[in-house]
Amino acid sequence: MEKNLDRVMEEIAGFITAIANQAAKLEPNSKPPIITLENDSQLCIIQKMGTVTGAIYKRT
């Protein structure tokens, strides 16, 4: 089970990084944006700083 979770986390990390990279291309001369994705029960905040991309998930 733990190996499956590691694989899923790696796949999610790839999606998060891709979203941050695409958003940064919208205005390449500006600071990378903070991206917020939300629905009725969840919130995801994504931010890229240099070579590091972070995401916070919260159930609301």
PDB file of N, CA and C in Angstrom:
ATOM      1  N   MET A   1       0.821  -1.192   0.000  1.00  0.00           N
ATOM      2  CA  MET A   1       0.000   0.000   0.000  1.00  0.00           C
ATOM      3  C   MET A   1       0.868   1.260   0.000  1.00  0.00           C
ATOM      4  N   GLU A   2       1.945   1.273   0.789  1.00  0.00           N
ATOM      5  CA  GLU A   2       2.804   2.456   0.877  1.00  0.00           C
ATOM      6  C   GLU A   2       3.465   2.757  -0.463  1.00  0.00           C
ATOM      7  N   LYS A   3       3.860   1.721  -1.217  1.00  0.00           N
ATOM      8  CA  LYS A   3       4.460   1.941  -2.534  1.00  0.00           C
ATOM      9  C   LYS A   3       3.454   2.574  -3.484  1.00  0.00           C
ATOM     10  N   ASN A   4       2.197   2.144  -3.418  1.00  0.00           N
ATOM     11  CA  ASN A   4       1.159   2.739  -4.262  1.00  0.00           C
ATOM     12  C   ASN A   4       0.959   4.202  -3.918  1.00  0.00           C
ATOM     13  N   LEU A   5       0.978   4.541  -2.636  1.00  0.00           N
ATOM     14  CA  LEU A   5       0.815   5.926  -2.208  1.00  0.00           C
ATOM     15  C   LEU A   5       1.974   6.775  -2.711  1.00  0.00           C
ATOM     16  N   ASP A   6       3.192   6.250  -2.643  1.00  0.00           N
ATOM     17  CA  ASP A   6       4.359   6.978  -3.159  1.00  0.00           C
ATOM     18  C   ASP A   6       4.210   7.260  -4.649  1.00  0.00           C
ATOM     19  N   ARG A   7       3.732   6.281  -5.397  1.00  0.00           N
ATOM     20  CA  ARG A   7       3.550   6.442  -6.841  1.00  0.00           C
ATOM     21  C   ARG A   7       2.494   7.511  -7.126  1.00  0.00           C
ATOM     22  N   VAL A   8       1.401   7.476  -6.390  1.00  0.00           N
ATOM     23  CA  VAL A   8       0.342   8.473  -6.570  1.00  0.00           C
ATOM     24  C   VAL A   8       0.864   9.862  -6.235  1.00  0.00           C
ATOM     25  N   MET A   9       1.627   9.991  -5.163  1.00  0.00           N
ATOM     26  CA  MET A   9       2.164  11.292  -4.768  1.00  0.00           C
ATOM     27  C   MET A   9       3.108  11.836  -5.838  1.00  0.00           C
ATOM     28  N   GLU A  10       3.918  10.976  -6.445  1.00  0.00           N
ATOM     29  CA  GLU A  10       4.812  11.411  -7.520  1.00  0.00           C
ATOM     30  C   GLU A  10       4.015  11.909  -8.722  1.00  0.00           C
ATOM     31  N   GLU A  11       2.929  11.218  -9.059  1.00  0.00           N
ATOM     32  CA  GLU A  11       2.091  11.643 -10.183  1.00  0.00           C
ATOM     33  C   GLU A  11       1.434  12.986  -9.890  1.00  0.00           C
ATOM     34  N   ILE A  12       0.928  13.161  -8.683  1.00  0.00           N
ATOM     35  CA  ILE A  12       0.296  14.425  -8.297  1.00  0.00           C
ATOM     36  C   ILE A  12       1.319  15.551  -8.334  1.00  0.00           C
ATOM     37  N   ALA A  13       2.528  15.289  -7.870  1.00  0.00           N
ATOM     38  CA  ALA A  13       3.581  16.313  -7.881  1.00  0.00           C
ATOM     39  C   ALA A  13       3.843  16.788  -9.305  1.00  0.00           C
ATOM     40  N   GLY A  14       3.808  15.884 -10.256  1.00  0.00           N
ATOM     41  CA  GLY A  14       4.002  16.258 -11.656  1.00  0.00           C
ATOM     42  C   GLY A  14       2.902  17.177 -12.160  1.00  0.00           C
ATOM     43  N   PHE A  15       1.654  16.880 -11.797  1.00  0.00           N
ATOM     44  CA  PHE A  15       0.531  17.734 -12.204  1.00  0.00           C
ATOM     45  C   PHE A  15       0.626  19.113 -11.569  1.00  0.00           C
ATOM     46  N   ILE A  16       0.964  19.155 -10.289  1.00  0.00           N
ATOM     47  CA  ILE A  16       1.067  20.429  -9.571  1.00  0.00           C
ATOM     48  C   ILE A  16       2.155  21.301 -10.207  1.00  0.00           C
ATOM     49  N   THR A  17       3.294  20.701 -10.496  1.00  0.00           N
ATOM     50  CA  THR A  17       4.394  21.440 -11.124  1.00  0.00           C
ATOM     51  C   THR A  17       3.995  21.934 -12.511  1.00  0.00           C
ATOM     52  N   ALA A  18       3.307  21.105 -13.272  1.00  0.00           N
ATOM     53  CA  ALA A  18       2.872  21.499 -14.616  1.00  0.00           C
ATOM     54  C   ALA A  18       1.895  22.675 -14.554  1.00  0.00           C
ATOM     55  N   ILE A  19       0.966  22.651 -13.608  1.00  0.00           N
ATOM     56  CA  ILE A  19       0.018  23.761 -13.449  1.00  0.00           C
ATOM     57  C   ILE A  19       0.768  25.047 -13.123  1.00  0.00           C
ATOM     58  N   ALA A  20       1.702  24.973 -12.183  1.00  0.00           N
ATOM     59  CA  ALA A  20       2.470  26.162 -11.792  1.00  0.00           C
ATOM     60  C   ALA A  20       3.296  26.693 -12.963  1.00  0.00           C
ATOM     61  N   ASN A  21       3.915  25.800 -13.721  1.00  0.00           N
ATOM     62  CA  ASN A  21       4.726  26.229 -14.867  1.00  0.00           C
ATOM     63  C   ASN A  21       3.873  26.898 -15.948  1.00  0.00           C
ATOM     64  N   GLN A  22       2.710  26.330 -16.232  1.00  0.00           N
ATOM     65  CA  GLN A  22       1.835  26.917 -17.250  1.00  0.00           C
ATOM     66  C   GLN A  22       1.313  28.281 -16.805  1.00  0.00           C
ATOM     67  N   ALA A  23       0.938  28.414 -15.543  1.00  0.00           N
ATOM     68  CA  ALA A  23       0.446  29.699 -15.034  1.00  0.00           C
ATOM     69  C   ALA A  23       1.541  30.761 -15.105  1.00  0.00           C
ATOM     70  N   ALA A  24       2.777  30.381 -14.828  1.00  0.00           N
ATOM     71  CA  ALA A  24       3.893  31.333 -14.873  1.00  0.00           C
ATOM     72  C   ALA A  24       4.141  31.845 -16.294  1.00  0.00           C
ATOM     73  N   LYS A  25       3.790  31.063 -17.297  1.00  0.00           N
ATOM     74  CA  LYS A  25       3.985  31.472 -18.694  1.00  0.00           C
ATOM     75  C   LYS A  25       3.007  32.562 -19.128  1.00  0.00           C
ATOM     76  N   LEU A  26       1.917  32.748 -18.386  1.00  0.00           N
ATOM     77  CA  LEU A  26       0.929  33.765 -18.762  1.00  0.00           C
ATOM     78  C   LEU A  26       1.521  35.168 -18.738  1.00  0.00           C
ATOM     79  N   GLU A  27       2.351  35.434 -17.740  1.00  0.00           N
ATOM     80  CA  GLU A  27       3.047  36.720 -17.636  1.00  0.00           C
ATOM     81  C   GLU A  27       4.493  36.437 -17.242  1.00  0.00           C
ATOM     82  N   PRO A  28       5.335  36.075 -18.218  1.00  0.00           N
ATOM     83  CA  PRO A  28       6.691  35.613 -17.919  1.00  0.00           C
ATOM     84  C   PRO A  28       7.596  36.641 -17.243  1.00  0.00           C
ATOM     85  N   ASN A  29       7.300  37.922 -17.361  1.00  0.00           N
ATOM     86  CA  ASN A  29       8.145  38.946 -16.736  1.00  0.00           C
ATOM     87  C   ASN A  29       7.682  39.319 -15.335  1.00  0.00           C
ATOM     88  N   SER A  30       6.660  38.643 -14.838  1.00  0.00           N
ATOM     89  CA  SER A  30       6.135  38.912 -13.498  1.00  0.00           C
ATOM     90  C   SER A  30       6.501  37.782 -12.545  1.00  0.00           C
ATOM     91  N   LYS A  31       6.302  38.036 -11.274  1.00  0.00           N
ATOM     92  CA  LYS A  31       6.486  37.012 -10.246  1.00  0.00           C
ATOM     93  C   LYS A  31       5.471  35.886 -10.496  1.00  0.00           C
ATOM     94  N   PRO A  32       5.871  34.611 -10.328  1.00  0.00           N
ATOM     95  CA  PRO A  32       4.919  33.514 -10.553  1.00  0.00           C
ATOM     96  C   PRO A  32       3.674  33.678  -9.671  1.00  0.00           C
ATOM     97  N   PRO A  33       2.497  33.408 -10.238  1.00  0.00           N
ATOM     98  CA  PRO A  33       1.266  33.615  -9.472  1.00  0.00           C
ATOM     99  C   PRO A  33       1.033  32.539  -8.415  1.00  0.00           C
ATOM    100  N   ILE A  34       0.207  32.876  -7.454  1.00  0.00           N
ATOM    101  CA  ILE A  34      -0.308  31.890  -6.506  1.00  0.00           C
ATOM    102  C   ILE A  34      -1.623  31.401  -7.098  1.00  0.00           C
ATOM    103  N   ILE A  35      -1.755  30.099  -7.262  1.00  0.00           N
ATOM    104  CA  ILE A  35      -2.919  29.504  -7.903  1.00  0.00           C
ATOM    105  C   ILE A  35      -3.812  28.901  -6.827  1.00  0.00           C
ATOM    106  N   THR A  36      -5.092  29.197  -6.899  1.00  0.00           N
ATOM    107  CA  THR A  36      -6.056  28.649  -5.950  1.00  0.00           C
ATOM    108  C   THR A  36      -7.104  27.863  -6.720  1.00  0.00           C
ATOM    109  N   LEU A  37      -7.272  26.603  -6.345  1.00  0.00           N
ATOM    110  CA  LEU A  37      -8.314  25.748  -6.913  1.00  0.00           C
ATOM    111  C   LEU A  37      -9.234  25.365  -5.764  1.00  0.00           C
ATOM    112  N   GLU A  38     -10.538  25.533  -5.956  1.00  0.00           N
ATOM    113  CA  GLU A  38     -11.438  25.174  -4.867  1.00  0.00           C
ATOM    114  C   GLU A  38     -12.781  24.698  -5.388  1.00  0.00           C
ATOM    115  N   ASN A  39     -13.421  23.889  -4.563  1.00  0.00           N
ATOM    116  CA  ASN A  39     -14.800  23.489  -4.802  1.00  0.00           C
ATOM    117  C   ASN A  39     -15.533  23.585  -3.462  1.00  0.00           C
ATOM    118  N   ASP A  40     -16.684  22.963  -3.343  1.00  0.00           N
ATOM    119  CA  ASP A  40     -17.472  23.092  -2.115  1.00  0.00           C
ATOM    120  C   ASP A  40     -16.793  22.513  -0.884  1.00  0.00           C
ATOM    121  N   SER A  41     -15.906  21.540  -1.071  1.00  0.00           N
ATOM    122  CA  SER A  41     -15.348  20.863   0.098  1.00  0.00           C
ATOM    123  C   SER A  41     -13.822  20.826   0.166  1.00  0.00           C
ATOM    124  N   GLN A  42     -13.121  21.339  -0.842  1.00  0.00           N
ATOM    125  CA  GLN A  42     -11.662  21.270  -0.847  1.00  0.00           C
ATOM    126  C   GLN A  42     -11.051  22.553  -1.388  1.00  0.00           C
ATOM    127  N   LEU A  43      -9.831  22.808  -0.950  1.00  0.00           N
ATOM    128  CA  LEU A  43      -9.076  23.974  -1.400  1.00  0.00           C
ATOM    129  C   LEU A  43      -7.645  23.526  -1.668  1.00  0.00           C
ATOM    130  N   CYS A  44      -7.078  23.976  -2.773  1.00  0.00           N
ATOM    131  CA  CYS A  44      -5.688  23.678  -3.104  1.00  0.00           C
ATOM    132  C   CYS A  44      -5.013  24.982  -3.501  1.00  0.00           C
ATOM    133  N   ILE A  45      -3.909  25.311  -2.834  1.00  0.00           N
ATOM    134  CA  ILE A  45      -3.138  26.510  -3.144  1.00  0.00           C
ATOM    135  C   ILE A  45      -1.775  26.056  -3.649  1.00  0.00           C
ATOM    136  N   ILE A  46      -1.370  26.582  -4.805  1.00  0.00           N
ATOM    137  CA  ILE A  46      -0.107  26.198  -5.440  1.00  0.00           C
ATOM    138  C   ILE A  46       0.746  27.445  -5.612  1.00  0.00           C
ATOM    139  N   GLN A  47       2.031  27.332  -5.239  1.00  0.00           N
ATOM    140  CA  GLN A  47       2.948  28.455  -5.430  1.00  0.00           C
ATOM    141  C   GLN A  47       4.309  27.927  -5.853  1.00  0.00           C
ATOM    142  N   LYS A  48       4.894  28.611  -6.827  1.00  0.00           N
ATOM    143  CA  LYS A  48       6.238  28.264  -7.304  1.00  0.00           C
ATOM    144  C   LYS A  48       7.197  29.361  -6.876  1.00  0.00           C
ATOM    145  N   MET A  49       8.313  28.959  -6.276  1.00  0.00           N
ATOM    146  CA  MET A  49       9.364  29.899  -5.880  1.00  0.00           C
ATOM    147  C   MET A  49      10.687  29.340  -6.383  1.00  0.00           C
ATOM    148  N   GLY A  50      11.186  29.913  -7.462  1.00  0.00           N
ATOM    149  CA  GLY A  50      12.429  29.407  -8.042  1.00  0.00           C
ATOM    150  C   GLY A  50      12.223  28.015  -8.595  1.00  0.00           C
ATOM    151  N   THR A  51      13.010  27.075  -8.106  1.00  0.00           N
ATOM    152  CA  THR A  51      12.903  25.696  -8.581  1.00  0.00           C
ATOM    153  C   THR A  51      12.005  24.839  -7.698  1.00  0.00           C
ATOM    154  N   VAL A  52      11.413  25.439  -6.670  1.00  0.00           N
ATOM    155  CA  VAL A  52      10.565  24.698  -5.736  1.00  0.00           C
ATOM    156  C   VAL A  52       9.100  25.071  -5.965  1.00  0.00           C
ATOM    157  N   THR A  53       8.253  24.058  -6.076  1.00  0.00           N
ATOM    158  CA  THR A  53       6.813  24.271  -6.201  1.00  0.00           C
ATOM    159  C   THR A  53       6.146  23.588  -5.019  1.00  0.00           C
ATOM    160  N   GLY A  54       5.280  24.334  -4.332  1.00  0.00           N
ATOM    161  CA  GLY A  54       4.589  23.785  -3.171  1.00  0.00           C
ATOM    162  C   GLY A  54       3.087  23.829  -3.359  1.00  0.00           C
ATOM    163  N   ALA A  55       2.400  22.913  -2.694  1.00  0.00           N
ATOM    164  CA  ALA A  55       0.940  22.876  -2.740  1.00  0.00           C
ATOM    165  C   ALA A  55       0.418  22.550  -1.352  1.00  0.00           C
ATOM    166  N   ILE A  56      -0.669  23.207  -0.998  1.00  0.00           N
ATOM    167  CA  ILE A  56      -1.345  22.953   0.273  1.00  0.00           C
ATOM    168  C   ILE A  56      -2.769  22.528  -0.053  1.00  0.00           C
ATOM    169  N   TYR A  57      -3.191  21.410   0.523  1.00  0.00           N
ATOM    170  CA  TYR A  57      -4.552  20.914   0.356  1.00  0.00           C
ATOM    171  C   TYR A  57      -5.287  21.064   1.673  1.00  0.00           C
ATOM    172  N   LYS A  58      -6.532  21.488   1.588  1.00  0.00           N
ATOM    173  CA  LYS A  58      -7.337  21.626   2.799  1.00  0.00           C
ATOM    174  C   LYS A  58      -8.770  21.228   2.477  1.00  0.00           C
ATOM    175  N   ARG A  59      -9.347  20.448   3.365  1.00  0.00           N
ATOM    176  CA  ARG A  59     -10.774  20.140   3.250  1.00  0.00           C
ATOM    177  C   ARG A  59     -11.527  21.183   4.048  1.00  0.00           C
ATOM    178  N   THR A  60     -12.526  21.777   3.428  1.00  0.00           N
ATOM    179  CA  THR A  60     -13.253  22.857   4.095  1.00  0.00           C
ATOM    180  C   THR A  60     -14.561  22.383   4.669  1.00  0.00           C
TER     181      THR A  60
END
